[in-house]
Amino acid sequence: QLSNTLTTDNNLFIYTMDHGDILGNNCYLCLWNNEKLYDYEFASLLSNINANTINICMGQCHSGGFIDDLSNSKFVIATACNYNESCTSLEKVEWFLL
């Protein structure tokens, strides 16, 4: 639906959170009903959107694994951790307290 609506006059902001994991060389975002959205599937879905810039903020474990699939000049991505790392709120709280 967004690919039919957004144009180069628009910017898109996407924020993901909850759980993520890694299987082989691919990271994924855990969805409802035990479904998974893999990094390459996410990139494919976004490639059809013709927005000027797509800003993505990912807060789940292994979110850094999405970066290589989203290497495109219209994507700006920030992740909570590297592809091989877990991320919990407790770890972040401890980090801010140091």
C-alpha atoms as a PDB file:
ATOM      1  CA  GLN A   1       0.000   0.000   0.000  1.00  0.00           C
ATOM      2  CA  LEU A   2       2.823   2.446   0.811  1.00  0.00           C
ATOM      3  CA  SER A   3       4.479   1.789  -2.542  1.00  0.00           C
ATOM      4  CA  ASN A   4       1.317   3.092  -4.218  1.00  0.00           C
ATOM      5  CA  THR A   5       1.014   6.108  -1.912  1.00  0.00           C
ATOM      6  CA  LEU A   6       4.462   7.553  -1.170  1.00  0.00           C
ATOM      7  CA  THR A   7       6.474   9.555  -3.682  1.00  0.00           C
ATOM      8  CA  THR A   8       9.885  11.211  -3.711  1.00  0.00           C
ATOM      9  CA  ASP A   9       8.201  14.168  -2.005  1.00  0.00           C
ATOM     10  CA  ASN A  10       7.695  11.973   1.095  1.00  0.00           C
ATOM     11  CA  ASN A  11       9.936  10.560   3.813  1.00  0.00           C
ATOM     12  CA  LEU A  12       9.128   7.393   5.755  1.00  0.00           C
ATOM     13  CA  PHE A  13      10.072   6.519   9.351  1.00  0.00           C
ATOM     14  CA  ILE A  14       9.945   2.876  10.488  1.00  0.00           C
ATOM     15  CA  TYR A  15      10.487   1.812  14.098  1.00  0.00           C
ATOM     16  CA  THR A  16      10.734  -1.880  14.999  1.00  0.00           C
ATOM     17  CA  MET A  17      11.023  -3.463  18.413  1.00  0.00           C
ATOM     18  CA  ASP A  18      10.335  -6.667  20.293  1.00  0.00           C
ATOM     19  CA  HIS A  19      12.355  -9.780  19.486  1.00  0.00           C
ATOM     20  CA  GLY A  20      14.841 -10.704  16.795  1.00  0.00           C
ATOM     21  CA  ASP A  21      17.134 -13.624  16.174  1.00  0.00           C
ATOM     22  CA  ILE A  22      19.630 -15.023  13.702  1.00  0.00           C
ATOM     23  CA  LEU A  23      19.509 -18.171  11.589  1.00  0.00           C
ATOM     24  CA  GLY A  24      22.615 -18.920   9.546  1.00  0.00           C
ATOM     25  CA  ASN A  25      23.570 -15.709   7.743  1.00  0.00           C
ATOM     26  CA  ASN A  26      20.148 -14.097   8.062  1.00  0.00           C
ATOM     27  CA  CYS A  27      18.643 -12.132  10.898  1.00  0.00           C
ATOM     28  CA  TYR A  28      14.929 -11.828  11.399  1.00  0.00           C
ATOM     29  CA  LEU A  29      12.302  -9.880  13.274  1.00  0.00           C
ATOM     30  CA  CYS A  30       9.861 -12.019  15.289  1.00  0.00           C
ATOM     31  CA  LEU A  31       6.245 -11.325  14.351  1.00  0.00           C
ATOM     32  CA  TRP A  32       2.887 -12.472  15.713  1.00  0.00           C
ATOM     33  CA  ASN A  33       1.946 -16.165  15.494  1.00  0.00           C
ATOM     34  CA  ASN A  34       5.602 -17.255  15.448  1.00  0.00           C
ATOM     35  CA  GLU A  35       6.113 -15.752  11.989  1.00  0.00           C
ATOM     36  CA  LYS A  36       9.487 -14.348  10.990  1.00  0.00           C
ATOM     37  CA  LEU A  37      10.409 -11.421   8.757  1.00  0.00           C
ATOM     38  CA  TYR A  38      13.926 -12.003   7.464  1.00  0.00           C
ATOM     39  CA  ASP A  39      16.332  -9.183   6.679  1.00  0.00           C
ATOM     40  CA  TYR A  40      16.284  -9.879   2.926  1.00  0.00           C
ATOM     41  CA  GLU A  41      12.449  -9.992   2.901  1.00  0.00           C
ATOM     42  CA  PHE A  42      12.261  -6.668   4.730  1.00  0.00           C
ATOM     43  CA  ALA A  43      14.695  -5.105   2.257  1.00  0.00           C
ATOM     44  CA  SER A  44      12.681  -6.455  -0.663  1.00  0.00           C
ATOM     45  CA  LEU A  45       9.449  -4.962   0.711  1.00  0.00           C
ATOM     46  CA  LEU A  46      11.087  -1.570   1.195  1.00  0.00           C
ATOM     47  CA  SER A  47      12.691  -1.567  -2.248  1.00  0.00           C
ATOM     48  CA  ASN A  48       9.230  -1.067  -3.785  1.00  0.00           C
ATOM     49  CA  ILE A  49       8.653   2.163  -1.843  1.00  0.00           C
ATOM     50  CA  ASN A  50       9.570   5.280  -3.802  1.00  0.00           C
ATOM     51  CA  ALA A  51      10.010   7.648  -0.841  1.00  0.00           C
ATOM     52  CA  ASN A  52      12.805  10.218  -0.825  1.00  0.00           C
ATOM     53  CA  THR A  53      14.355   8.814   2.367  1.00  0.00           C
ATOM     54  CA  ILE A  54      13.418   5.835   4.509  1.00  0.00           C
ATOM     55  CA  ASN A  55      14.606   6.169   8.121  1.00  0.00           C
ATOM     56  CA  ILE A  56      14.671   2.891  10.046  1.00  0.00           C
ATOM     57  CA  CYS A  57      15.221   2.482  13.783  1.00  0.00           C
ATOM     58  CA  MET A  58      15.462  -1.149  14.932  1.00  0.00           C
ATOM     59  CA  GLY A  59      15.503  -2.095  18.620  1.00  0.00           C
ATOM     60  CA  GLN A  60      15.440  -5.893  18.535  1.00  0.00           C
ATOM     61  CA  CYS A  61      18.267  -8.391  19.135  1.00  0.00           C
ATOM     62  CA  HIS A  62      20.474  -9.008  16.089  1.00  0.00           C
ATOM     63  CA  SER A  63      19.072  -5.881  14.412  1.00  0.00           C
ATOM     64  CA  GLY A  64      22.489  -5.030  13.011  1.00  0.00           C
ATOM     65  CA  GLY A  65      22.061  -7.934  10.614  1.00  0.00           C
ATOM     66  CA  PHE A  66      19.581  -5.858   8.617  1.00  0.00           C
ATOM     67  CA  ILE A  67      22.189  -3.243   7.703  1.00  0.00           C
ATOM     68  CA  ASP A  68      23.880  -5.142   4.873  1.00  0.00           C
ATOM     69  CA  ASP A  69      20.535  -5.842   3.184  1.00  0.00           C
ATOM     70  CA  LEU A  70      19.524  -2.186   3.442  1.00  0.00           C
ATOM     71  CA  SER A  71      22.635  -0.723   1.820  1.00  0.00           C
ATOM     72  CA  ASN A  72      20.932   1.843  -0.358  1.00  0.00           C
ATOM     73  CA  SER A  73      21.314   5.602  -0.562  1.00  0.00           C
ATOM     74  CA  LYS A  74      17.661   6.183   0.376  1.00  0.00           C
ATOM     75  CA  PHE A  75      17.904   4.174   3.629  1.00  0.00           C
ATOM     76  CA  VAL A  76      19.135   5.586   6.933  1.00  0.00           C
ATOM     77  CA  ILE A  77      19.289   2.829   9.548  1.00  0.00           C
ATOM     78  CA  ALA A  78      20.070   2.803  13.274  1.00  0.00           C
ATOM     79  CA  THR A  79      20.189  -0.492  15.160  1.00  0.00           C
ATOM     80  CA  ALA A  80      20.368  -1.368  18.846  1.00  0.00           C
ATOM     81  CA  CYS A  81      23.168  -3.886  18.391  1.00  0.00           C
ATOM     82  CA  ASN A  82      25.341  -5.762  15.911  1.00  0.00           C
ATOM     83  CA  TYR A  83      24.136  -8.758  13.906  1.00  0.00           C
ATOM     84  CA  ASN A  84      25.667 -11.186  16.406  1.00  0.00           C
ATOM     85  CA  GLU A  85      24.543  -9.445  19.610  1.00  0.00           C
ATOM     86  CA  SER A  86      21.552  -9.598  21.873  1.00  0.00           C
ATOM     87  CA  CYS A  87      20.048  -6.420  23.224  1.00  0.00           C
ATOM     88  CA  THR A  88      18.093  -6.141  26.456  1.00  0.00           C
ATOM     89  CA  SER A  89      16.792  -3.148  28.315  1.00  0.00           C
ATOM     90  CA  LEU A  90      18.764  -4.190  31.393  1.00  0.00           C
ATOM     91  CA  GLU A  91      22.042  -4.039  29.457  1.00  0.00           C
ATOM     92  CA  LYS A  92      21.166  -0.545  28.230  1.00  0.00           C
ATOM     93  CA  VAL A  93      20.217   0.644  31.726  1.00  0.00           C
ATOM     94  CA  GLU A  94      23.529  -0.600  33.113  1.00  0.00           C
ATOM     95  CA  TRP A  95      25.379   1.116  30.296  1.00  0.00           C
ATOM     96  CA  PHE A  96      23.726   4.468  31.009  1.00  0.00           C
ATOM     97  CA  LEU A  97      24.482   4.133  34.721  1.00  0.00           C
ATOM     98  CA  LEU A  98      28.245   3.658  34.181  1.00  0.00           C
END
